[in-house]
Amino acid sequence: MRGVTETVETGRGPAQVAVTVPGEVAGRRAGAAAPVALLVLGHGAGGSVDAPDLTAVHDGAVAAGLVVALVTQPYRVAGRRAPAPAGHLDEAWRAVLPTLTERFPGLPLIVGGRSSGARVACRTAGEVGAAGIVALAFPLHPPGKPERSRAEELRTGLPTLVVNGSADPFGVPDAAPGVELVVLEGERHDLRRAPDAVGRAVVTWLRARGWAR
């Protein structure tokens, strides 16, 4: 179950943030242990935070002791499907993150998302003080245009997990120093066939780094 959705004002309009704290029921603590990390996730270009892979990661991470925040970009809050320019996405994301890190001080910050949201997280990870990155369905290049690679965005110097489908028309990144790659056979860009496998891969990676129980 997700927490209450809150509105955060940004220079690009209001964003919405749904925060779930482990063991919190109807706003009251249920005697759970303290959270071990903060995971902030963004959605794809025309999608929402209700995407199956994001839902699976949310549920698995909360069960593993993380605070999870799902961020809806201002253009989607305004009802538009066409994505805002990259600079606008990054600006809004950077405006949201301090409200979360101030609310949960001392927790390691893991940022990520699916597709466009993964790119935003990678581009801004250093600025927001992230300890690691979770990139779902990272769009390595536009479909049919492998020469327009975005691989450089993954080279942040931070521990990064990439989960992509083997049949993704946006391509599959290569593993690299600091970048761990999980390829799900037969999955396409939506990672919709077996979202639980996505959630398990992320929680396994988080546990290996001490960011999950």
Foldseek 3Di string as FASTA:
>chain_A
DWADWDWFQFPLGIKIKIKDFAQADPNDHNPDDAAAAEEEEEEAQQDACPQLLNVLQCVLQSVQRYIYMYMGQRCVVVVDRGGDDLVSRLRRVLRPLVVVCVVVPPHAYEYAYEASRRLSCLQCVVVSVHQEYEYELHQQAPQPCNVRGPQVSNPNVHQYEYEHEPAESSDADDADVNYHYHYHYPDYSSSRPCSNVSNVVVQVVCVVVRNGD
